[in-house]
PDB file of N, CA and C in Angstrom:
ATOM      1  N   MET A   1     -43.255  40.116  11.073  1.00  0.00           N
ATOM      2  CA  MET A   1     -44.143  39.636   9.921  1.00  0.00           C
ATOM      3  C   MET A   1     -43.644  40.405   8.716  1.00  0.00           C
ATOM      4  N   SER A   2     -43.209  39.688   7.745  1.00  0.00           N
ATOM      5  CA  SER A   2     -42.939  40.410   6.503  1.00  0.00           C
ATOM      6  C   SER A   2     -42.550  39.433   5.355  1.00  0.00           C
ATOM      7  N   TYR A   3     -41.957  38.264   5.647  1.00  0.00           N
ATOM      8  CA  TYR A   3     -41.471  37.369   4.597  1.00  0.00           C
ATOM      9  C   TYR A   3     -42.399  36.192   4.222  1.00  0.00           C
ATOM     10  N   VAL A   4     -43.140  35.813   5.120  1.00  0.00           N
ATOM     11  CA  VAL A   4     -43.939  34.579   4.991  1.00  0.00           C
ATOM     12  C   VAL A   4     -45.486  34.974   5.081  1.00  0.00           C
ATOM     13  N   SER A   5     -46.228  34.341   4.070  1.00  0.00           N
ATOM     14  CA  SER A   5     -47.662  34.607   4.108  1.00  0.00           C
ATOM     15  C   SER A   5     -48.326  33.630   5.164  1.00  0.00           C
ATOM     16  N   PHE A   6     -49.474  34.080   5.537  1.00  0.00           N
ATOM     17  CA  PHE A   6     -50.304  33.256   6.570  1.00  0.00           C
ATOM     18  C   PHE A   6     -51.480  32.686   5.884  1.00  0.00           C
ATOM     19  N   ASP A   7     -51.647  31.345   6.066  1.00  0.00           N
ATOM     20  CA  ASP A   7     -52.948  30.809   5.548  1.00  0.00           C
ATOM     21  C   ASP A   7     -54.117  31.072   6.425  1.00  0.00           C
ATOM     22  N   ARG A   8     -55.274  30.719   6.104  1.00  0.00           N
ATOM     23  CA  ARG A   8     -56.468  31.028   6.834  1.00  0.00           C
ATOM     24  C   ARG A   8     -56.312  30.663   8.291  1.00  0.00           C
ATOM     25  N   PHE A   9     -55.959  29.435   8.559  1.00  0.00           N
ATOM     26  CA  PHE A   9     -55.863  28.876   9.992  1.00  0.00           C
ATOM     27  C   PHE A   9     -54.822  29.677  10.776  1.00  0.00           C
ATOM     28  N   GLN A  10     -53.690  29.940  10.193  1.00  0.00           N
ATOM     29  CA  GLN A  10     -52.601  30.723  10.854  1.00  0.00           C
ATOM     30  C   GLN A  10     -52.982  32.088  11.068  1.00  0.00           C
ATOM     31  N   SER A  11     -53.692  32.694  10.190  1.00  0.00           N
ATOM     32  CA  SER A  11     -54.204  34.132  10.330  1.00  0.00           C
ATOM     33  C   SER A  11     -55.130  34.167  11.451  1.00  0.00           C
ATOM     34  N   GLU A  12     -56.038  33.226  11.552  1.00  0.00           N
ATOM     35  CA  GLU A  12     -57.086  33.253  12.634  1.00  0.00           C
ATOM     36  C   GLU A  12     -56.462  32.919  13.906  1.00  0.00           C
ATOM     37  N   LEU A  13     -55.420  32.091  14.016  1.00  0.00           N
ATOM     38  CA  LEU A  13     -54.660  31.797  15.266  1.00  0.00           C
ATOM     39  C   LEU A  13     -53.971  33.018  15.710  1.00  0.00           C
ATOM     40  N   LEU A  14     -53.284  33.727  14.840  1.00  0.00           N
ATOM     41  CA  LEU A  14     -52.596  34.997  15.205  1.00  0.00           C
ATOM     42  C   LEU A  14     -53.517  35.981  15.689  1.00  0.00           C
ATOM     43  N   PHE A  15     -54.615  36.171  14.950  1.00  0.00           N
ATOM     44  CA  PHE A  15     -55.645  37.188  15.362  1.00  0.00           C
ATOM     45  C   PHE A  15     -56.255  36.857  16.779  1.00  0.00           C
ATOM     46  N   LYS A  16     -56.496  35.648  16.976  1.00  0.00           N
ATOM     47  CA  LYS A  16     -57.123  35.243  18.441  1.00  0.00           C
ATOM     48  C   LYS A  16     -55.980  35.488  19.446  1.00  0.00           C
ATOM     49  N   ALA A  17     -54.731  35.144  19.233  1.00  0.00           N
ATOM     50  CA  ALA A  17     -53.720  35.268  20.193  1.00  0.00           C
ATOM     51  C   ALA A  17     -53.484  36.857  20.556  1.00  0.00           C
ATOM     52  N   ILE A  18     -53.499  37.566  19.487  1.00  0.00           N
ATOM     53  CA  ILE A  18     -53.191  39.032  19.680  1.00  0.00           C
ATOM     54  C   ILE A  18     -54.481  39.620  20.323  1.00  0.00           C
ATOM     55  N   SER A  19     -55.648  39.287  19.911  1.00  0.00           N
ATOM     56  CA  SER A  19     -56.899  39.866  20.389  1.00  0.00           C
ATOM     57  C   SER A  19     -57.016  39.510  21.916  1.00  0.00           C
ATOM     58  N   ASP A  20     -56.870  38.238  22.268  1.00  0.00           N
ATOM     59  CA  ASP A  20     -56.835  37.807  23.737  1.00  0.00           C
ATOM     60  C   ASP A  20     -55.842  38.573  24.529  1.00  0.00           C
ATOM     61  N   ARG A  21     -54.632  38.624  23.991  1.00  0.00           N
ATOM     62  CA  ARG A  21     -53.568  39.256  24.822  1.00  0.00           C
ATOM     63  C   ARG A  21     -53.677  40.815  24.940  1.00  0.00           C
ATOM     64  N   SER A  22     -54.233  41.380  23.901  1.00  0.00           N
ATOM     65  CA  SER A  22     -54.393  42.847  23.942  1.00  0.00           C
ATOM     66  C   SER A  22     -55.470  43.262  25.044  1.00  0.00           C
ATOM     67  N   GLU A  23     -56.370  42.373  25.402  1.00  0.00           N
ATOM     68  CA  GLU A  23     -57.321  42.633  26.408  1.00  0.00           C
ATOM     69  C   GLU A  23     -56.700  42.635  27.816  1.00  0.00           C
ATOM     70  N   ARG A  24     -55.537  41.957  27.976  1.00  0.00           N
ATOM     71  CA  ARG A  24     -55.029  41.671  29.356  1.00  0.00           C
ATOM     72  C   ARG A  24     -53.685  42.479  29.439  1.00  0.00           C
ATOM     73  N   GLY A  25     -52.889  42.805  28.371  1.00  0.00           N
ATOM     74  CA  GLY A  25     -51.633  43.385  28.620  1.00  0.00           C
ATOM     75  C   GLY A  25     -50.959  43.845  27.326  1.00  0.00           C
ATOM     76  N   SER A  26     -49.760  44.210  27.426  1.00  0.00           N
ATOM     77  CA  SER A  26     -48.944  44.752  26.277  1.00  0.00           C
ATOM     78  C   SER A  26     -48.688  43.724  25.205  1.00  0.00           C
ATOM     79  N   VAL A  27     -48.611  44.125  24.059  1.00  0.00           N
ATOM     80  CA  VAL A  27     -48.237  43.344  22.899  1.00  0.00           C
ATOM     81  C   VAL A  27     -47.144  44.120  22.078  1.00  0.00           C
ATOM     82  N   ILE A  28     -46.084  43.472  21.728  1.00  0.00           N
ATOM     83  CA  ILE A  28     -45.027  44.054  20.861  1.00  0.00           C
ATOM     84  C   ILE A  28     -45.031  43.223  19.650  1.00  0.00           C
ATOM     85  N   VAL A  29     -45.101  43.926  18.432  1.00  0.00           N
ATOM     86  CA  VAL A  29     -44.952  43.256  17.157  1.00  0.00           C
ATOM     87  C   VAL A  29     -43.893  44.035  16.409  1.00  0.00           C
ATOM     88  N   THR A  30     -43.011  43.347  15.783  1.00  0.00           N
ATOM     89  CA  THR A  30     -42.041  43.917  14.885  1.00  0.00           C
ATOM     90  C   THR A  30     -42.310  43.453  13.464  1.00  0.00           C
ATOM     91  N   THR A  31     -42.058  44.361  12.460  1.00  0.00           N
ATOM     92  CA  THR A  31     -42.319  43.942  11.063  1.00  0.00           C
ATOM     93  C   THR A  31     -41.514  44.871  10.225  1.00  0.00           C
ATOM     94  N   ASN A  32     -41.220  44.330   9.066  1.00  0.00           N
ATOM     95  CA  ASN A  32     -40.569  45.314   7.984  1.00  0.00           C
ATOM     96  C   ASN A  32     -41.635  45.891   7.068  1.00  0.00           C
ATOM     97  N   LEU A  33     -42.924  45.500   7.227  1.00  0.00           N
ATOM     98  CA  LEU A  33     -43.958  46.101   6.369  1.00  0.00           C
ATOM     99  C   LEU A  33     -44.909  47.115   7.079  1.00  0.00           C
ATOM    100  N   PRO A  34     -45.193  48.076   6.403  1.00  0.00           N
ATOM    101  CA  PRO A  34     -46.277  49.030   6.859  1.00  0.00           C
ATOM    102  C   PRO A  34     -47.554  48.345   6.970  1.00  0.00           C
ATOM    103  N   PHE A  35     -48.455  48.854   7.825  1.00  0.00           N
ATOM    104  CA  PHE A  35     -49.811  48.198   7.952  1.00  0.00           C
ATOM    105  C   PHE A  35     -50.447  48.150   6.534  1.00  0.00           C
ATOM    106  N   SER A  36     -50.292  49.105   5.762  1.00  0.00           N
ATOM    107  CA  SER A  36     -50.944  49.079   4.396  1.00  0.00           C
ATOM    108  C   SER A  36     -50.499  47.990   3.529  1.00  0.00           C
ATOM    109  N   GLN A  37     -49.529  47.179   3.888  1.00  0.00           N
ATOM    110  CA  GLN A  37     -49.069  46.059   3.059  1.00  0.00           C
ATOM    111  C   GLN A  37     -49.410  44.688   3.661  1.00  0.00           C
ATOM    112  N   TRP A  38     -49.991  44.724   4.913  1.00  0.00           N
ATOM    113  CA  TRP A  38     -50.410  43.573   5.606  1.00  0.00           C
ATOM    114  C   TRP A  38     -51.366  42.687   4.828  1.00  0.00           C
ATOM    115  N   THR A  39     -52.125  43.208   3.957  1.00  0.00           N
ATOM    116  CA  THR A  39     -53.066  42.534   3.131  1.00  0.00           C
ATOM    117  C   THR A  39     -52.366  41.520   2.179  1.00  0.00           C
ATOM    118  N   GLU A  40     -51.057  41.836   1.987  1.00  0.00           N
ATOM    119  CA  GLU A  40     -50.248  40.860   1.098  1.00  0.00           C
ATOM    120  C   GLU A  40     -49.923  39.610   1.899  1.00  0.00           C
ATOM    121  N   LEU A  41     -50.026  39.569   3.185  1.00  0.00           N
ATOM    122  CA  LEU A  41     -49.602  38.475   3.909  1.00  0.00           C
ATOM    123  C   LEU A  41     -50.776  37.632   4.368  1.00  0.00           C
ATOM    124  N   PHE A  42     -51.930  38.214   4.524  1.00  0.00           N
ATOM    125  CA  PHE A  42     -53.115  37.509   4.982  1.00  0.00           C
ATOM    126  C   PHE A  42     -54.180  37.423   3.963  1.00  0.00           C
ATOM    127  N   GLU A  43     -54.915  36.338   3.902  1.00  0.00           N
ATOM    128  CA  GLU A  43     -56.082  36.088   2.950  1.00  0.00           C
ATOM    129  C   GLU A  43     -57.099  36.953   3.106  1.00  0.00           C
ATOM    130  N   ASN A  44     -57.486  37.247   4.458  1.00  0.00           N
ATOM    131  CA  ASN A  44     -58.628  37.978   4.742  1.00  0.00           C
ATOM    132  C   ASN A  44     -58.493  39.366   5.103  1.00  0.00           C
ATOM    133  N   THR A  45     -58.832  40.340   4.270  1.00  0.00           N
ATOM    134  CA  THR A  45     -58.614  41.744   4.485  1.00  0.00           C
ATOM    135  C   THR A  45     -59.388  42.288   5.655  1.00  0.00           C
ATOM    136  N   ALA A  46     -60.551  41.840   5.827  1.00  0.00           N
ATOM    137  CA  ALA A  46     -61.432  42.191   6.978  1.00  0.00           C
ATOM    138  C   ALA A  46     -60.722  41.859   8.302  1.00  0.00           C
ATOM    139  N   MET A  47     -60.000  40.742   8.300  1.00  0.00           N
ATOM    140  CA  MET A  47     -59.328  40.290   9.580  1.00  0.00           C
ATOM    141  C   MET A  47     -58.134  41.196   9.678  1.00  0.00           C
ATOM    142  N   VAL A  48     -57.442  41.594   8.606  1.00  0.00           N
ATOM    143  CA  VAL A  48     -56.338  42.423   8.792  1.00  0.00           C
ATOM    144  C   VAL A  48     -56.613  43.745   9.307  1.00  0.00           C
ATOM    145  N   ALA A  49     -57.821  44.329   8.936  1.00  0.00           N
ATOM    146  CA  ALA A  49     -58.336  45.591   9.478  1.00  0.00           C
ATOM    147  C   ALA A  49     -58.495  45.362  11.007  1.00  0.00           C
ATOM    148  N   ALA A  50     -59.153  44.443  11.399  1.00  0.00           N
ATOM    149  CA  ALA A  50     -59.483  44.150  12.829  1.00  0.00           C
ATOM    150  C   ALA A  50     -58.219  43.919  13.573  1.00  0.00           C
ATOM    151  N   LEU A  51     -57.348  43.219  13.008  1.00  0.00           N
ATOM    152  CA  LEU A  51     -56.007  42.951  13.689  1.00  0.00           C
ATOM    153  C   LEU A  51     -55.193  44.336  13.966  1.00  0.00           C
ATOM    154  N   VAL A  52     -55.164  45.052  12.898  1.00  0.00           N
ATOM    155  CA  VAL A  52     -54.522  46.437  12.955  1.00  0.00           C
ATOM    156  C   VAL A  52     -55.215  47.315  13.973  1.00  0.00           C
ATOM    157  N   ASP A  53     -56.536  47.245  14.014  1.00  0.00           N
ATOM    158  CA  ASP A  53     -57.304  48.024  14.925  1.00  0.00           C
ATOM    159  C   ASP A  53     -56.868  47.632  16.375  1.00  0.00           C
ATOM    160  N   ARG A  54     -56.857  46.317  16.687  1.00  0.00           N
ATOM    161  CA  ARG A  54     -56.478  45.942  17.961  1.00  0.00           C
ATOM    162  C   ARG A  54     -55.123  46.307  18.386  1.00  0.00           C
ATOM    163  N   LEU A  55     -54.127  46.094  17.363  1.00  0.00           N
ATOM    164  CA  LEU A  55     -52.793  46.541  17.761  1.00  0.00           C
ATOM    165  C   LEU A  55     -52.509  47.990  17.910  1.00  0.00           C
ATOM    166  N   THR A  56     -53.274  48.718  17.294  1.00  0.00           N
ATOM    167  CA  THR A  56     -52.987  50.221  17.311  1.00  0.00           C
ATOM    168  C   THR A  56     -53.903  50.929  18.393  1.00  0.00           C
ATOM    169  N   PHE A  57     -54.795  50.302  19.053  1.00  0.00           N
ATOM    170  CA  PHE A  57     -55.651  50.893  20.022  1.00  0.00           C
ATOM    171  C   PHE A  57     -54.880  51.084  21.232  1.00  0.00           C
ATOM    172  N   LYS A  58     -54.743  52.413  21.653  1.00  0.00           N
ATOM    173  CA  LYS A  58     -54.050  52.830  22.864  1.00  0.00           C
ATOM    174  C   LYS A  58     -52.547  52.337  22.737  1.00  0.00           C
ATOM    175  N   SER A  59     -51.988  52.616  21.658  1.00  0.00           N
ATOM    176  CA  SER A  59     -50.622  52.046  21.423  1.00  0.00           C
ATOM    177  C   SER A  59     -49.581  53.156  20.987  1.00  0.00           C
ATOM    178  N   TYR A  60     -48.432  52.799  21.024  1.00  0.00           N
ATOM    179  CA  TYR A  60     -47.358  53.587  20.296  1.00  0.00           C
ATOM    180  C   TYR A  60     -46.882  52.839  19.102  1.00  0.00           C
ATOM    181  N   VAL A  61     -46.857  53.456  18.010  1.00  0.00           N
ATOM    182  CA  VAL A  61     -46.399  52.873  16.786  1.00  0.00           C
ATOM    183  C   VAL A  61     -45.105  53.553  16.436  1.00  0.00           C
ATOM    184  N   LEU A  62     -44.001  52.860  16.480  1.00  0.00           N
ATOM    185  CA  LEU A  62     -42.743  53.382  16.138  1.00  0.00           C
ATOM    186  C   LEU A  62     -42.375  53.039  14.663  1.00  0.00           C
ATOM    187  N   ASP A  63     -42.123  54.115  13.834  1.00  0.00           N
ATOM    188  CA  ASP A  63     -41.654  53.729  12.465  1.00  0.00           C
ATOM    189  C   ASP A  63     -40.186  54.129  12.421  1.00  0.00           C
ATOM    190  N   MET A  64     -39.441  53.137  12.413  1.00  0.00           N
ATOM    191  CA  MET A  64     -37.985  53.134  12.500  1.00  0.00           C
ATOM    192  C   MET A  64     -37.313  52.873  11.081  1.00  0.00           C
ATOM    193  N   ASN A  65     -37.064  53.986  10.374  1.00  0.00           N
ATOM    194  CA  ASN A  65     -36.433  53.687   9.077  1.00  0.00           C
ATOM    195  C   ASN A  65     -34.936  53.998   9.206  1.00  0.00           C
ATOM    196  N   GLY A  66     -34.108  53.420   8.728  1.00  0.00           N
ATOM    197  CA  GLY A  66     -32.713  53.777   8.822  1.00  0.00           C
ATOM    198  C   GLY A  66     -31.885  52.853   7.954  1.00  0.00           C
ATOM    199  N   ASP A  67     -30.593  53.056   8.144  1.00  0.00           N
ATOM    200  CA  ASP A  67     -29.636  52.053   7.411  1.00  0.00           C
ATOM    201  C   ASP A  67     -29.629  50.666   8.070  1.00  0.00           C
ATOM    202  N   SER A  68     -29.395  49.754   7.246  1.00  0.00           N
ATOM    203  CA  SER A  68     -29.261  48.378   7.805  1.00  0.00           C
ATOM    204  C   SER A  68     -28.046  48.147   8.713  1.00  0.00           C
ATOM    205  N   TYR A  69     -28.333  47.556   9.893  1.00  0.00           N
ATOM    206  CA  TYR A  69     -27.328  47.392  10.901  1.00  0.00           C
ATOM    207  C   TYR A  69     -26.463  46.122  10.365  1.00  0.00           C
ATOM    208  N   ARG A  70     -27.064  45.208   9.786  1.00  0.00           N
ATOM    209  CA  ARG A  70     -26.426  43.993   9.294  1.00  0.00           C
ATOM    210  C   ARG A  70     -25.419  44.359   8.076  1.00  0.00           C
ATOM    211  N   LEU A  71     -26.033  45.214   7.193  1.00  0.00           N
ATOM    212  CA  LEU A  71     -25.168  45.637   6.138  1.00  0.00           C
ATOM    213  C   LEU A  71     -23.960  46.470   6.532  1.00  0.00           C
ATOM    214  N   ASP A  72     -24.194  47.227   7.390  1.00  0.00           N
ATOM    215  CA  ASP A  72     -23.121  48.036   8.083  1.00  0.00           C
ATOM    216  C   ASP A  72     -22.028  47.145   8.626  1.00  0.00           C
ATOM    217  N   GLN A  73     -22.394  46.177   9.396  1.00  0.00           N
ATOM    218  CA  GLN A  73     -21.384  45.225   9.982  1.00  0.00           C
ATOM    219  C   GLN A  73     -20.717  44.498   8.941  1.00  0.00           C
ATOM    220  N   THR A  74     -21.397  44.046   7.867  1.00  0.00           N
ATOM    221  CA  THR A  74     -20.777  43.312   6.742  1.00  0.00           C
ATOM    222  C   THR A  74     -19.638  44.282   6.188  1.00  0.00           C
ATOM    223  N   PHE A  75     -19.922  45.508   5.909  1.00  0.00           N
ATOM    224  CA  PHE A  75     -18.962  46.405   5.284  1.00  0.00           C
ATOM    225  C   PHE A  75     -17.808  46.618   6.166  1.00  0.00           C
ATOM    226  N   LYS A  76     -18.073  46.717   7.525  1.00  0.00           N
ATOM    227  CA  LYS A  76     -17.040  46.933   8.441  1.00  0.00           C
ATOM    228  C   LYS A  76     -16.042  45.665   8.515  1.00  0.00           C
ATOM    229  N   ALA A  77     -16.620  44.464   8.512  1.00  0.00           N
ATOM    230  CA  ALA A  77     -15.883  43.274   8.459  1.00  0.00           C
ATOM    231  C   ALA A  77     -15.057  43.087   7.274  1.00  0.00           C
ATOM    232  N   GLN A  78     -15.479  43.582   6.144  1.00  0.00           N
ATOM    233  CA  GLN A  78     -14.772  43.421   4.789  1.00  0.00           C
ATOM    234  C   GLN A  78     -13.597  44.315   4.850  1.00  0.00           C
ATOM    235  N   HIS A  79     -13.710  45.502   5.516  1.00  0.00           N
ATOM    236  CA  HIS A  79     -12.691  46.488   5.415  1.00  0.00           C
ATOM    237  C   HIS A  79     -11.765  46.440   6.686  1.00  0.00           C
ATOM    238  N   SER A  80     -11.785  45.449   7.376  1.00  0.00           N
ATOM    239  CA  SER A  80     -10.893  45.260   8.553  1.00  0.00           C
ATOM    240  C   SER A  80      -9.849  44.318   8.280  1.00  0.00           C
TER     241      SER A  80
END
């Protein structure tokens, strides 16, 4: 999640899917945005808070910042 905004229906559908799944098993979500910027993607800030709450409950949050793999591969291809 990071480049496309969600309308109300899409937001509610995603929330329901993650909420239902989180009660039964693991959920993996990847995104380029920190949780603090998720309100830019979803219309309902209360729903964002509830979604983040469900995703982070008993979870591991990995913050992986580093150089772009794609950019590195582009530079390597240009110099070979």
